[in-house]
N, C-alpha and C. Protein backbone atom coordinates (compact mmCIF):
# COMPACT_ATOMS: atom_id res chain seq x y z
N ILE A 1 0.71 -1.13 -0.01
CA ILE A 1 0.10 -0.17 0.04
C ILE A 1 0.91 1.32 -0.06
N ALA A 2 2.18 1.25 0.37
CA ALA A 2 2.88 2.23 0.40
C ALA A 2 4.49 2.03 0.45
N THR A 3 5.42 2.84 -0.07
CA THR A 3 6.81 2.60 0.10
C THR A 3 7.15 3.80 0.91
N VAL A 4 7.64 3.47 2.07
CA VAL A 4 8.31 4.36 3.01
C VAL A 4 9.90 4.57 3.11
N GLY A 5 10.29 5.85 3.81
CA GLY A 5 11.63 5.82 4.02
C GLY A 5 12.28 5.09 5.29
N PRO A 6 13.50 5.09 5.45
CA PRO A 6 14.12 4.05 6.36
C PRO A 6 13.95 4.48 7.88
N THR A 7 13.19 5.67 8.09
CA THR A 7 13.04 6.11 9.69
C THR A 7 11.60 6.11 9.94
N THR A 8 10.50 5.55 8.71
CA THR A 8 9.34 5.74 9.05
C THR A 8 8.81 4.08 9.79
N LEU A 9 8.03 4.50 11.06
CA LEU A 9 7.85 3.36 11.65
C LEU A 9 6.33 2.88 11.67
N ALA A 10 5.47 3.84 10.99
CA ALA A 10 3.94 3.50 10.83
C ALA A 10 3.54 4.33 9.80
N ILE A 11 2.43 3.83 9.38
CA ILE A 11 1.77 4.56 7.99
C ILE A 11 0.17 4.46 8.46
N ALA A 12 -0.45 5.41 7.95
CA ALA A 12 -1.92 5.36 8.00
C ALA A 12 -2.43 4.71 6.92
N ASN A 13 -3.33 3.65 7.04
CA ASN A 13 -3.88 3.41 5.96
C ASN A 13 -5.51 3.60 6.00
N THR A 14 -5.93 4.50 5.05
CA THR A 14 -7.13 5.12 5.36
C THR A 14 -8.28 4.60 3.98
N GLY A 15 -9.60 5.03 4.34
CA GLY A 15 -10.45 4.66 3.04
C GLY A 15 -10.93 2.98 3.18
N LEU A 16 -10.91 2.41 4.41
CA LEU A 16 -11.06 1.14 4.55
C LEU A 16 -12.61 0.99 4.89
N SER A 17 -13.20 -0.18 4.71
CA SER A 17 -14.53 -0.45 4.97
C SER A 17 -14.64 -1.06 6.53
N ALA A 18 -15.70 -0.50 7.01
CA ALA A 18 -15.90 -0.99 8.41
C ALA A 18 -16.04 -2.49 8.74
N ASN A 19 -15.55 -2.72 9.86
CA ASN A 19 -15.79 -4.31 10.23
C ASN A 19 -15.33 -5.28 9.44
N THR A 20 -14.03 -4.87 8.56
CA THR A 20 -13.43 -5.83 7.72
C THR A 20 -12.12 -6.12 8.14
N LEU A 21 -11.75 -7.35 7.95
CA LEU A 21 -10.29 -7.94 8.02
C LEU A 21 -9.48 -7.62 7.11
N TYR A 22 -8.60 -7.06 7.43
CA TYR A 22 -7.24 -6.66 6.43
C TYR A 22 -6.10 -7.38 6.74
N TYR A 23 -5.41 -7.81 5.67
CA TYR A 23 -4.02 -8.54 5.84
C TYR A 23 -2.87 -7.52 5.31
N TYR A 24 -1.76 -7.83 6.16
CA TYR A 24 -0.50 -7.01 5.71
C TYR A 24 0.73 -7.85 5.80
N ARG A 25 1.79 -7.28 4.86
CA ARG A 25 3.11 -8.14 5.16
C ARG A 25 4.00 -6.83 4.66
N VAL A 26 5.27 -6.95 5.00
CA VAL A 26 6.32 -5.87 4.57
C VAL A 26 7.58 -6.58 4.15
N ARG A 27 8.45 -5.85 3.39
CA ARG A 27 9.62 -6.28 3.12
C ARG A 27 10.58 -4.96 2.98
N ALA A 28 11.76 -5.25 2.97
CA ALA A 28 12.92 -4.26 3.10
C ALA A 28 13.36 -4.18 1.81
N THR A 29 14.22 -2.90 1.50
CA THR A 29 15.24 -2.78 0.24
C THR A 29 16.26 -2.09 0.58
N ASN A 30 17.39 -2.25 -0.13
CA ASN A 30 18.54 -1.56 -0.05
C ASN A 30 19.27 -1.68 -1.36
N ALA A 31 20.49 -1.36 -1.39
CA ALA A 31 21.21 -1.26 -2.72
C ALA A 31 21.38 -2.82 -3.20
N VAL A 32 21.21 -3.57 -2.31
CA VAL A 32 21.41 -5.22 -2.80
C VAL A 32 20.17 -5.48 -3.54
N GLY A 33 19.16 -5.14 -3.03
CA GLY A 33 17.85 -5.51 -3.49
C GLY A 33 16.63 -5.55 -2.37
N LEU A 34 15.74 -6.42 -2.77
CA LEU A 34 14.48 -6.56 -1.87
C LEU A 34 14.56 -7.89 -0.95
N SER A 35 14.27 -7.66 0.24
CA SER A 35 14.11 -8.86 0.88
C SER A 35 13.12 -9.70 0.88
N GLY A 36 12.85 -10.90 1.48
CA GLY A 36 11.31 -11.66 1.39
C GLY A 36 10.56 -10.75 2.18
N TYR A 37 9.10 -11.18 1.98
CA TYR A 37 8.28 -10.66 2.72
C TYR A 37 8.33 -11.15 4.29
N SER A 38 7.72 -10.38 5.08
CA SER A 38 7.26 -10.78 6.62
C SER A 38 6.31 -11.65 6.82
N ALA A 39 6.02 -12.26 7.81
CA ALA A 39 5.01 -12.93 8.07
C ALA A 39 3.83 -11.91 7.86
N VAL A 40 2.71 -12.59 7.41
CA VAL A 40 1.42 -11.95 7.24
C VAL A 40 0.68 -11.49 8.68
N VAL A 41 0.26 -10.50 8.93
CA VAL A 41 -0.47 -10.07 10.27
C VAL A 41 -1.79 -9.42 9.58
N SER A 42 -2.78 -9.49 10.57
CA SER A 42 -4.04 -9.17 10.08
C SER A 42 -4.66 -7.92 11.14
N ALA A 43 -5.62 -7.01 10.74
CA ALA A 43 -6.28 -6.23 11.54
C ALA A 43 -7.70 -6.15 11.20
N ARG A 44 -8.50 -5.98 12.01
CA ARG A 44 -10.03 -5.62 11.59
C ARG A 44 -10.48 -4.27 12.03
N THR A 45 -11.06 -3.50 10.93
CA THR A 45 -11.53 -2.31 11.24
C THR A 45 -12.60 -2.08 12.25
N PHE A 46 -12.92 -1.11 13.07
CA PHE A 46 -13.92 -0.89 13.83
C PHE A 46 -15.26 -1.07 13.26
N LEU A 47 -16.36 -1.34 14.05
CA LEU A 47 -17.69 -1.00 13.47
C LEU A 47 -18.35 0.28 14.02
N PRO A 48 -18.52 0.97 13.22
CA PRO A 48 -19.17 2.28 13.46
C PRO A 48 -20.47 2.04 14.24
N PRO A 49 -21.04 3.15 14.91
CA PRO A 49 -22.12 2.88 15.51
C PRO A 49 -23.49 2.30 14.78
N VAL A 50 -24.20 1.40 15.08
CA VAL A 50 -25.02 0.76 14.39
C VAL A 50 -26.47 1.05 15.03
N LYS A 51 -27.45 1.55 14.25
CA LYS A 51 -28.89 1.40 14.83
C LYS A 51 -29.70 0.56 13.95
N VAL A 52 -30.50 -0.15 14.69
CA VAL A 52 -31.44 -1.01 13.94
C VAL A 52 -32.56 -0.95 14.31
N ASN A 53 -33.81 -0.70 13.48
CA ASN A 53 -35.23 -0.57 13.71
C ASN A 53 -35.91 -1.85 13.27
N PHE A 54 -36.72 -2.20 14.24
CA PHE A 54 -37.42 -3.56 14.04
C PHE A 54 -38.75 -2.99 13.48
N GLN A 55 -39.14 -3.53 12.26
CA GLN A 55 -40.39 -2.99 11.72
C GLN A 55 -40.81 -3.91 10.43
N PRO A 56 -41.98 -3.72 10.03
CA PRO A 56 -42.34 -4.22 8.60
C PRO A 56 -41.49 -3.68 7.50
N LEU A 57 -41.25 -4.45 6.48
CA LEU A 57 -40.30 -3.94 5.36
C LEU A 57 -40.90 -2.77 4.73
N THR A 58 -42.29 -2.87 4.58
CA THR A 58 -42.84 -1.60 4.16
C THR A 58 -43.14 -0.21 4.82
N ALA A 59 -42.68 -0.40 6.12
CA ALA A 59 -42.89 0.89 7.12
C ALA A 59 -41.92 1.93 6.64
N ALA A 60 -42.12 3.23 7.00
CA ALA A 60 -41.25 4.10 6.93
C ALA A 60 -39.91 3.87 7.75
N VAL A 61 -38.93 4.02 7.44
CA VAL A 61 -37.50 3.94 8.07
C VAL A 61 -37.07 5.15 8.80
N PRO A 62 -36.81 5.02 10.13
CA PRO A 62 -36.34 6.27 10.85
C PRO A 62 -35.05 6.62 10.18
N SER A 63 -34.82 7.97 10.15
CA SER A 63 -33.55 8.53 9.76
C SER A 63 -32.34 7.77 10.54
N GLY A 64 -31.31 7.32 9.91
CA GLY A 64 -30.13 6.85 10.36
C GLY A 64 -30.06 5.45 10.97
N TYR A 65 -31.39 4.72 10.73
CA TYR A 65 -31.51 3.23 11.07
C TYR A 65 -31.38 2.39 9.93
N LEU A 66 -30.86 1.04 10.32
CA LEU A 66 -31.02 0.09 9.37
C LEU A 66 -32.41 -0.73 9.62
N VAL A 67 -32.87 -1.36 8.84
CA VAL A 67 -34.12 -2.16 8.85
C VAL A 67 -34.05 -3.51 9.14
N ASP A 68 -34.81 -4.09 10.13
CA ASP A 68 -34.94 -5.42 10.55
C ASP A 68 -36.34 -5.83 10.45
N SER A 69 -36.67 -6.59 9.41
CA SER A 69 -38.06 -6.80 9.00
C SER A 69 -38.35 -8.20 9.35
N GLY A 70 -37.51 -8.89 10.11
CA GLY A 70 -37.60 -10.30 10.59
C GLY A 70 -37.02 -11.50 9.99
N LEU A 71 -36.27 -11.13 8.98
CA LEU A 71 -35.52 -12.24 8.30
C LEU A 71 -34.52 -12.89 9.18
N THR A 72 -34.24 -14.27 8.80
CA THR A 72 -33.32 -14.95 9.58
C THR A 72 -31.78 -14.33 9.29
N TYR A 73 -30.94 -14.75 10.18
CA TYR A 73 -29.57 -14.20 10.24
C TYR A 73 -28.74 -14.33 8.94
N ALA A 74 -28.37 -13.37 8.34
CA ALA A 74 -27.78 -13.42 6.93
C ALA A 74 -27.11 -12.14 6.88
N SER A 75 -26.07 -12.02 5.76
CA SER A 75 -25.58 -10.61 5.38
C SER A 75 -26.85 -9.97 4.87
N ARG A 76 -27.11 -8.66 5.14
CA ARG A 76 -28.21 -7.82 4.45
C ARG A 76 -27.78 -7.06 3.16
N GLY A 77 -26.57 -7.31 2.83
CA GLY A 77 -26.13 -6.38 1.73
C GLY A 77 -25.84 -4.89 1.88
N ASN A 78 -25.93 -4.63 3.16
CA ASN A 78 -25.71 -3.26 3.56
C ASN A 78 -24.53 -2.94 4.25
N GLY A 79 -23.71 -4.04 4.30
CA GLY A 79 -22.63 -3.93 5.19
C GLY A 79 -22.46 -4.76 6.31
N TYR A 80 -23.61 -5.22 6.88
CA TYR A 80 -23.81 -5.80 8.04
C TYR A 80 -24.45 -7.17 7.78
N THR A 81 -24.48 -7.92 8.89
CA THR A 81 -24.85 -9.23 9.06
C THR A 81 -25.77 -9.36 10.21
N TYR A 82 -27.05 -9.59 10.20
CA TYR A 82 -27.90 -9.50 11.36
C TYR A 82 -29.22 -10.27 10.97
N GLY A 83 -29.82 -10.71 12.11
CA GLY A 83 -31.28 -11.34 11.87
C GLY A 83 -31.58 -12.16 13.02
N TRP A 84 -32.69 -13.01 13.00
CA TRP A 84 -33.12 -13.90 13.77
C TRP A 84 -32.97 -15.33 13.63
N ASN A 85 -33.27 -16.08 14.55
CA ASN A 85 -32.71 -17.37 14.69
C ASN A 85 -34.04 -18.26 13.84
N ALA A 86 -34.95 -17.80 13.66
CA ALA A 86 -36.13 -18.31 12.85
C ALA A 86 -36.96 -16.98 12.11
N LEU A 87 -37.38 -17.32 10.98
CA LEU A 87 -38.25 -16.42 10.26
C LEU A 87 -39.18 -15.62 11.14
N ASN A 88 -39.35 -14.23 11.17
CA ASN A 88 -40.07 -13.51 12.06
C ASN A 88 -40.76 -12.34 11.23
N THR A 89 -40.80 -12.51 10.10
CA THR A 89 -41.63 -11.33 9.40
C THR A 89 -43.04 -11.22 9.64
N LEU A 90 -43.78 -12.21 9.85
CA LEU A 90 -45.03 -12.10 10.33
C LEU A 90 -45.42 -11.45 11.66
N THR A 91 -44.40 -11.20 12.37
CA THR A 91 -44.75 -10.55 13.71
C THR A 91 -44.23 -9.13 13.94
N ALA A 92 -43.81 -8.43 12.73
CA ALA A 92 -43.72 -6.93 12.80
C ALA A 92 -44.84 -6.17 12.66
N ARG A 93 -44.78 -5.22 13.49
CA ARG A 93 -45.82 -4.31 13.40
C ARG A 93 -45.45 -2.58 13.12
N ASP A 94 -46.39 -1.82 12.52
CA ASP A 94 -46.21 -0.40 12.47
C ASP A 94 -47.63 0.12 12.91
N ARG A 95 -47.44 0.58 14.09
CA ARG A 95 -48.78 0.94 14.76
C ARG A 95 -49.30 2.37 14.22
N ASN A 96 -48.66 3.22 13.80
CA ASN A 96 -49.08 4.51 13.26
C ASN A 96 -49.97 5.15 14.21
N SER A 97 -49.41 5.25 15.56
CA SER A 97 -50.24 5.81 16.72
C SER A 97 -49.52 7.14 17.11
N SER A 98 -50.63 8.05 17.48
CA SER A 98 -50.11 9.18 17.97
C SER A 98 -49.41 9.26 19.25
N LEU A 99 -49.60 8.41 19.93
CA LEU A 99 -48.73 7.92 21.26
C LEU A 99 -47.40 7.88 20.98
N SER A 100 -46.86 7.49 20.01
CA SER A 100 -45.42 7.07 19.88
C SER A 100 -44.66 8.53 19.59
N PRO A 101 -43.36 8.50 20.25
CA PRO A 101 -42.70 9.56 20.07
C PRO A 101 -42.09 9.89 18.77
N ASP A 102 -41.81 8.73 18.14
CA ASP A 102 -41.43 8.95 16.73
C ASP A 102 -41.40 7.49 16.07
N GLN A 103 -41.30 7.44 14.87
CA GLN A 103 -41.35 5.92 14.08
C GLN A 103 -40.52 4.94 14.65
N SER A 104 -39.21 5.31 15.45
CA SER A 104 -38.74 4.22 15.93
C SER A 104 -39.34 3.51 16.94
N TYR A 105 -40.18 4.18 17.81
CA TYR A 105 -41.13 3.74 18.64
C TYR A 105 -42.27 3.06 18.53
N ASP A 106 -42.86 3.68 17.10
CA ASP A 106 -44.07 3.25 16.67
C ASP A 106 -44.05 1.73 15.98
N THR A 107 -42.91 1.19 15.59
CA THR A 107 -42.78 -0.04 15.13
C THR A 107 -42.05 -0.98 16.16
N LEU A 108 -42.10 -2.29 15.90
CA LEU A 108 -41.92 -3.33 16.78
C LEU A 108 -41.79 -4.71 16.00
N GLN A 109 -41.25 -5.55 16.93
CA GLN A 109 -41.08 -7.03 16.33
C GLN A 109 -41.39 -7.81 17.61
N HIS A 110 -42.27 -8.74 17.52
CA HIS A 110 -42.69 -9.63 18.62
C HIS A 110 -41.58 -10.71 18.53
N MET A 111 -41.15 -11.13 20.11
CA MET A 111 -39.97 -11.84 20.38
C MET A 111 -40.34 -13.14 20.85
N GLN A 112 -41.94 -13.40 20.99
CA GLN A 112 -42.17 -14.84 21.85
C GLN A 112 -43.43 -15.41 21.06
N MET A 113 -43.70 -15.06 19.90
CA MET A 113 -44.74 -15.62 18.81
C MET A 113 -44.62 -17.25 18.62
N VAL A 114 -45.46 -18.01 18.61
CA VAL A 114 -45.26 -19.42 18.29
C VAL A 114 -44.67 -19.69 16.93
N ALA A 115 -43.66 -20.20 16.70
CA ALA A 115 -43.01 -20.55 15.32
C ALA A 115 -42.47 -19.42 14.82
N SER A 116 -41.85 -18.52 15.73
CA SER A 116 -41.24 -17.20 15.18
C SER A 116 -39.67 -17.12 15.86
N GLY A 117 -38.95 -16.08 15.33
CA GLY A 117 -37.86 -15.98 15.94
C GLY A 117 -38.00 -15.37 17.46
N SER A 118 -36.91 -16.03 18.17
CA SER A 118 -36.89 -15.43 19.53
C SER A 118 -35.44 -14.98 19.98
N ILE A 119 -34.46 -15.11 19.14
CA ILE A 119 -33.24 -14.63 19.24
C ILE A 119 -32.49 -13.96 18.15
N TRP A 120 -32.08 -12.64 18.59
CA TRP A 120 -31.57 -11.76 17.23
C TRP A 120 -30.21 -11.53 17.56
N GLU A 121 -29.37 -11.75 16.34
CA GLU A 121 -28.00 -11.46 16.59
C GLU A 121 -27.41 -10.56 15.41
N LEU A 122 -26.28 -9.84 15.82
CA LEU A 122 -25.44 -8.81 15.13
C LEU A 122 -24.15 -9.32 14.87
N ALA A 123 -23.65 -9.44 13.74
CA ALA A 123 -22.21 -9.79 13.66
C ALA A 123 -21.18 -8.46 13.92
N VAL A 124 -20.40 -8.64 15.07
CA VAL A 124 -19.47 -7.65 15.20
C VAL A 124 -18.22 -8.25 15.52
N PRO A 125 -17.11 -7.55 15.38
CA PRO A 125 -15.79 -7.84 15.94
C PRO A 125 -15.79 -8.07 17.50
N ASN A 126 -15.10 -9.17 17.99
CA ASN A 126 -15.06 -9.41 19.37
C ASN A 126 -14.48 -8.12 20.04
N GLY A 127 -15.09 -7.89 21.09
CA GLY A 127 -14.64 -6.47 21.83
C GLY A 127 -15.80 -6.02 22.74
N THR A 128 -15.87 -4.87 23.33
CA THR A 128 -16.55 -4.27 24.14
C THR A 128 -17.53 -3.36 23.52
N TYR A 129 -18.87 -3.42 23.71
CA TYR A 129 -19.90 -2.57 23.16
C TYR A 129 -20.99 -2.15 24.22
N SER A 130 -21.39 -0.82 23.96
CA SER A 130 -22.64 -0.34 24.54
C SER A 130 -23.70 -0.54 23.90
N VAL A 131 -24.72 -1.26 24.41
CA VAL A 131 -25.93 -1.53 23.89
C VAL A 131 -27.15 -0.79 24.45
N PHE A 132 -28.08 -0.04 23.61
CA PHE A 132 -29.19 0.64 24.07
C PHE A 132 -30.23 -0.08 23.40
N LEU A 133 -31.44 -0.33 24.00
CA LEU A 133 -32.50 -0.99 23.24
C LEU A 133 -33.80 -0.55 23.95
N VAL A 134 -34.91 -0.39 23.23
CA VAL A 134 -36.05 0.09 23.79
C VAL A 134 -37.10 -1.17 23.31
N ALA A 135 -38.13 -1.54 24.31
CA ALA A 135 -39.15 -2.43 24.20
C ALA A 135 -40.41 -1.46 24.40
N GLY A 136 -41.64 -2.01 23.65
CA GLY A 136 -42.71 -1.42 23.93
C GLY A 136 -43.68 -1.56 22.78
N ASP A 137 -45.02 -0.98 23.04
CA ASP A 137 -45.93 -1.07 21.94
C ASP A 137 -47.01 0.00 22.19
N ALA A 138 -47.10 1.02 21.24
CA ALA A 138 -48.02 1.89 21.40
C ALA A 138 -49.52 1.67 21.74
N THR A 139 -49.95 0.65 21.25
CA THR A 139 -51.46 0.27 21.26
C THR A 139 -51.87 -0.76 22.22
N ALA A 140 -50.83 -1.31 23.02
CA ALA A 140 -51.31 -2.40 23.79
C ALA A 140 -50.03 -2.29 24.96
N PHE A 141 -50.77 -2.87 26.09
CA PHE A 141 -49.97 -3.02 27.38
C PHE A 141 -50.17 -4.28 28.22
N ASP A 142 -50.02 -5.38 27.23
CA ASP A 142 -50.15 -6.78 27.45
C ASP A 142 -49.10 -7.59 27.56
N SER A 143 -47.75 -6.98 28.14
CA SER A 143 -46.50 -7.63 28.14
C SER A 143 -46.08 -7.65 29.48
N THR A 144 -44.97 -8.32 29.49
CA THR A 144 -43.93 -8.30 30.80
C THR A 144 -42.54 -8.08 29.89
N TYR A 145 -41.82 -7.04 29.87
CA TYR A 145 -40.74 -7.03 29.03
C TYR A 145 -39.48 -7.54 29.95
N ARG A 146 -38.61 -8.44 29.28
CA ARG A 146 -37.42 -8.76 29.86
C ARG A 146 -36.57 -9.13 28.67
N ILE A 147 -35.77 -8.36 28.41
CA ILE A 147 -34.72 -8.50 27.32
C ILE A 147 -33.38 -8.52 27.47
N ASN A 148 -32.58 -9.60 27.52
CA ASN A 148 -31.26 -9.69 27.65
C ASN A 148 -30.43 -9.52 26.40
N VAL A 149 -29.29 -8.82 26.85
CA VAL A 149 -28.16 -8.70 25.82
C VAL A 149 -27.02 -9.55 26.30
N GLU A 150 -26.51 -10.20 25.51
CA GLU A 150 -25.33 -11.04 25.68
C GLU A 150 -25.56 -12.03 27.23
N GLY A 151 -26.83 -12.18 27.49
CA GLY A 151 -27.19 -12.87 28.63
C GLY A 151 -27.29 -12.17 29.89
N GLY A 152 -27.34 -10.84 29.80
CA GLY A 152 -27.58 -10.04 30.95
C GLY A 152 -28.86 -9.27 30.76
N LEU A 153 -29.87 -9.19 31.93
CA LEU A 153 -30.96 -8.44 31.58
C LEU A 153 -30.74 -6.93 31.39
N THR A 154 -31.17 -6.50 30.20
CA THR A 154 -30.98 -5.06 29.94
C THR A 154 -32.28 -4.29 29.81
N VAL A 155 -33.42 -4.95 29.61
CA VAL A 155 -34.71 -4.13 29.68
C VAL A 155 -35.67 -5.05 30.54
N SER A 156 -36.31 -4.29 31.47
CA SER A 156 -37.13 -4.95 32.43
C SER A 156 -38.38 -3.93 32.71
N GLY A 157 -39.60 -4.35 32.34
CA GLY A 157 -40.65 -3.49 32.92
C GLY A 157 -42.11 -3.96 32.48
N THR A 158 -43.00 -3.59 33.14
CA THR A 158 -44.42 -4.22 32.74
C THR A 158 -45.20 -2.92 32.34
N PRO A 159 -45.67 -2.70 30.99
CA PRO A 159 -46.26 -1.35 30.73
C PRO A 159 -47.55 -1.26 31.37
N THR A 160 -48.09 -0.08 31.29
CA THR A 160 -49.31 0.47 31.71
C THR A 160 -49.85 1.22 30.78
N SER A 161 -51.11 1.87 30.97
CA SER A 161 -51.76 2.87 29.87
C SER A 161 -50.89 4.02 29.87
N ALA A 162 -50.29 4.35 31.08
CA ALA A 162 -49.52 5.63 31.16
C ALA A 162 -48.01 5.45 30.73
N THR A 163 -47.45 4.25 30.79
CA THR A 163 -46.05 3.74 30.53
C THR A 163 -46.07 2.87 29.32
N ARG A 164 -45.74 3.12 28.06
CA ARG A 164 -45.94 1.86 27.05
C ARG A 164 -44.36 1.45 26.94
N TRP A 165 -43.31 2.24 27.15
CA TRP A 165 -41.96 1.76 26.41
C TRP A 165 -41.07 1.92 27.78
N PHE A 166 -40.01 0.84 27.64
CA PHE A 166 -39.07 0.77 28.62
C PHE A 166 -37.71 0.61 27.86
N SER A 167 -36.60 1.07 28.36
CA SER A 167 -35.31 1.00 27.65
C SER A 167 -34.40 0.78 28.76
N GLY A 168 -33.17 0.33 28.09
CA GLY A 168 -32.07 -0.02 29.01
C GLY A 168 -30.78 0.17 28.19
N THR A 169 -29.63 0.20 28.79
CA THR A 169 -28.26 0.28 28.28
C THR A 169 -27.35 -0.68 29.16
N ARG A 170 -26.54 -1.41 28.45
CA ARG A 170 -25.90 -2.46 29.08
C ARG A 170 -24.38 -2.42 28.10
N THR A 171 -23.35 -2.56 28.89
CA THR A 171 -22.05 -2.52 28.19
C THR A 171 -21.72 -4.18 28.38
N VAL A 172 -21.21 -4.80 27.28
CA VAL A 172 -21.20 -6.13 26.96
C VAL A 172 -19.66 -6.41 26.36
N ALA A 173 -19.33 -7.71 26.60
CA ALA A 173 -18.21 -8.01 26.05
C ALA A 173 -18.67 -9.40 24.96
N VAL A 174 -18.17 -9.18 23.82
CA VAL A 174 -18.59 -9.96 22.66
C VAL A 174 -17.45 -10.82 22.40
N THR A 175 -17.48 -12.31 22.45
CA THR A 175 -16.33 -13.21 22.36
C THR A 175 -16.64 -14.19 21.22
N ASP A 176 -17.84 -14.21 20.61
CA ASP A 176 -17.88 -15.18 19.54
C ASP A 176 -18.32 -14.48 18.30
N GLY A 177 -18.11 -13.31 18.09
CA GLY A 177 -18.38 -12.61 16.84
C GLY A 177 -19.81 -12.25 16.73
N ARG A 178 -20.65 -12.40 17.51
CA ARG A 178 -22.07 -12.24 17.47
C ARG A 178 -22.62 -11.44 18.79
N LEU A 179 -23.37 -10.38 18.75
CA LEU A 179 -23.95 -9.65 19.84
C LEU A 179 -25.43 -10.38 19.64
N THR A 180 -25.81 -10.89 20.93
CA THR A 180 -26.96 -11.75 20.79
C THR A 180 -27.96 -11.01 21.91
N ILE A 181 -29.07 -10.94 21.47
CA ILE A 181 -30.24 -10.45 22.16
C ILE A 181 -31.34 -11.75 22.33
N ASN A 182 -31.87 -11.86 23.59
CA ASN A 182 -32.92 -12.85 23.54
C ASN A 182 -33.92 -12.64 24.82
N ASN A 183 -34.84 -13.33 24.88
CA ASN A 183 -35.85 -13.18 26.10
C ASN A 183 -35.34 -13.57 27.35
N GLY A 184 -35.50 -12.61 28.36
CA GLY A 184 -35.15 -12.76 29.65
C GLY A 184 -36.21 -13.63 30.54
N THR A 185 -35.78 -14.38 31.52
CA THR A 185 -36.49 -14.93 32.41
C THR A 185 -37.78 -14.18 32.81
N GLY A 186 -39.07 -14.78 32.81
CA GLY A 186 -40.09 -14.06 33.13
C GLY A 186 -40.74 -13.12 32.13
N ALA A 187 -40.22 -13.15 30.91
CA ALA A 187 -40.63 -12.45 29.72
C ALA A 187 -42.32 -12.98 29.50
N VAL A 188 -43.02 -12.04 29.24
CA VAL A 188 -44.48 -12.27 28.62
C VAL A 188 -44.73 -11.41 27.29
N ASN A 189 -44.86 -11.95 26.12
CA ASN A 189 -45.19 -11.36 25.08
C ASN A 189 -44.31 -10.03 24.66
N ASN A 190 -43.03 -10.21 24.85
CA ASN A 190 -41.89 -9.52 24.65
C ASN A 190 -42.03 -8.85 23.18
N LYS A 191 -41.66 -7.51 23.12
CA LYS A 191 -41.65 -6.69 21.87
C LYS A 191 -40.44 -5.86 21.97
N ILE A 192 -39.76 -5.88 20.79
CA ILE A 192 -38.52 -5.05 20.70
C ILE A 192 -38.76 -3.95 19.66
N CYS A 193 -38.37 -2.61 20.05
CA CYS A 193 -38.68 -1.71 18.96
C CYS A 193 -37.41 -1.34 18.13
N PHE A 194 -36.21 -1.03 19.06
CA PHE A 194 -35.02 -0.57 18.35
C PHE A 194 -33.77 -0.87 19.06
N ILE A 195 -32.65 -0.85 18.44
CA ILE A 195 -31.40 -1.18 19.24
C ILE A 195 -30.28 -0.42 18.51
N GLU A 196 -29.34 0.29 19.51
CA GLU A 196 -28.24 1.21 19.03
C GLU A 196 -27.12 0.66 19.67
N VAL A 197 -26.01 0.24 18.98
CA VAL A 197 -24.93 -0.53 19.14
C VAL A 197 -23.63 0.34 19.06
N THR A 198 -22.99 0.77 20.05
CA THR A 198 -21.73 1.79 19.92
C THR A 198 -20.54 0.95 20.58
């Protein structure tokens, strides 16, 4: 990627894709000629902040969010790999309610419907992440929200007519290349609206 002088100890490699593994090798040169290449080393670029909205495919997309419409875990063709452990497209909702603060709160995905997805994952490099997520439903308060991030309870609440949404933030360590969201113990009719990962 570059030829540098004898006193240069580092270079900046710019214009790289996010969350991508790159490989490097070096060799030296002098008046006699070129050396052999060094051993290959690798480095993965960071994942920028990711915002995912859970919604029907045809619903309006909140600004700055990626869409999750309930498809199974796979590359989405937008630079990210994410999805459910089972097809969940029939459980997405767009409430179009005046009670919703904005579109990200107005849409949701059920997490406990029969024969649908109950685990959602996002491919990330191993590391530490801050995860913010919101559960709720503008038109119903028939749930007990318990949502885990990487096995730790992150959202917990029982909605009422006055309080429809609950949120939580958790710092987690990912060691298997997948950030995992699932139902917590005691959850009833869990519904997830959106997630933000930084």
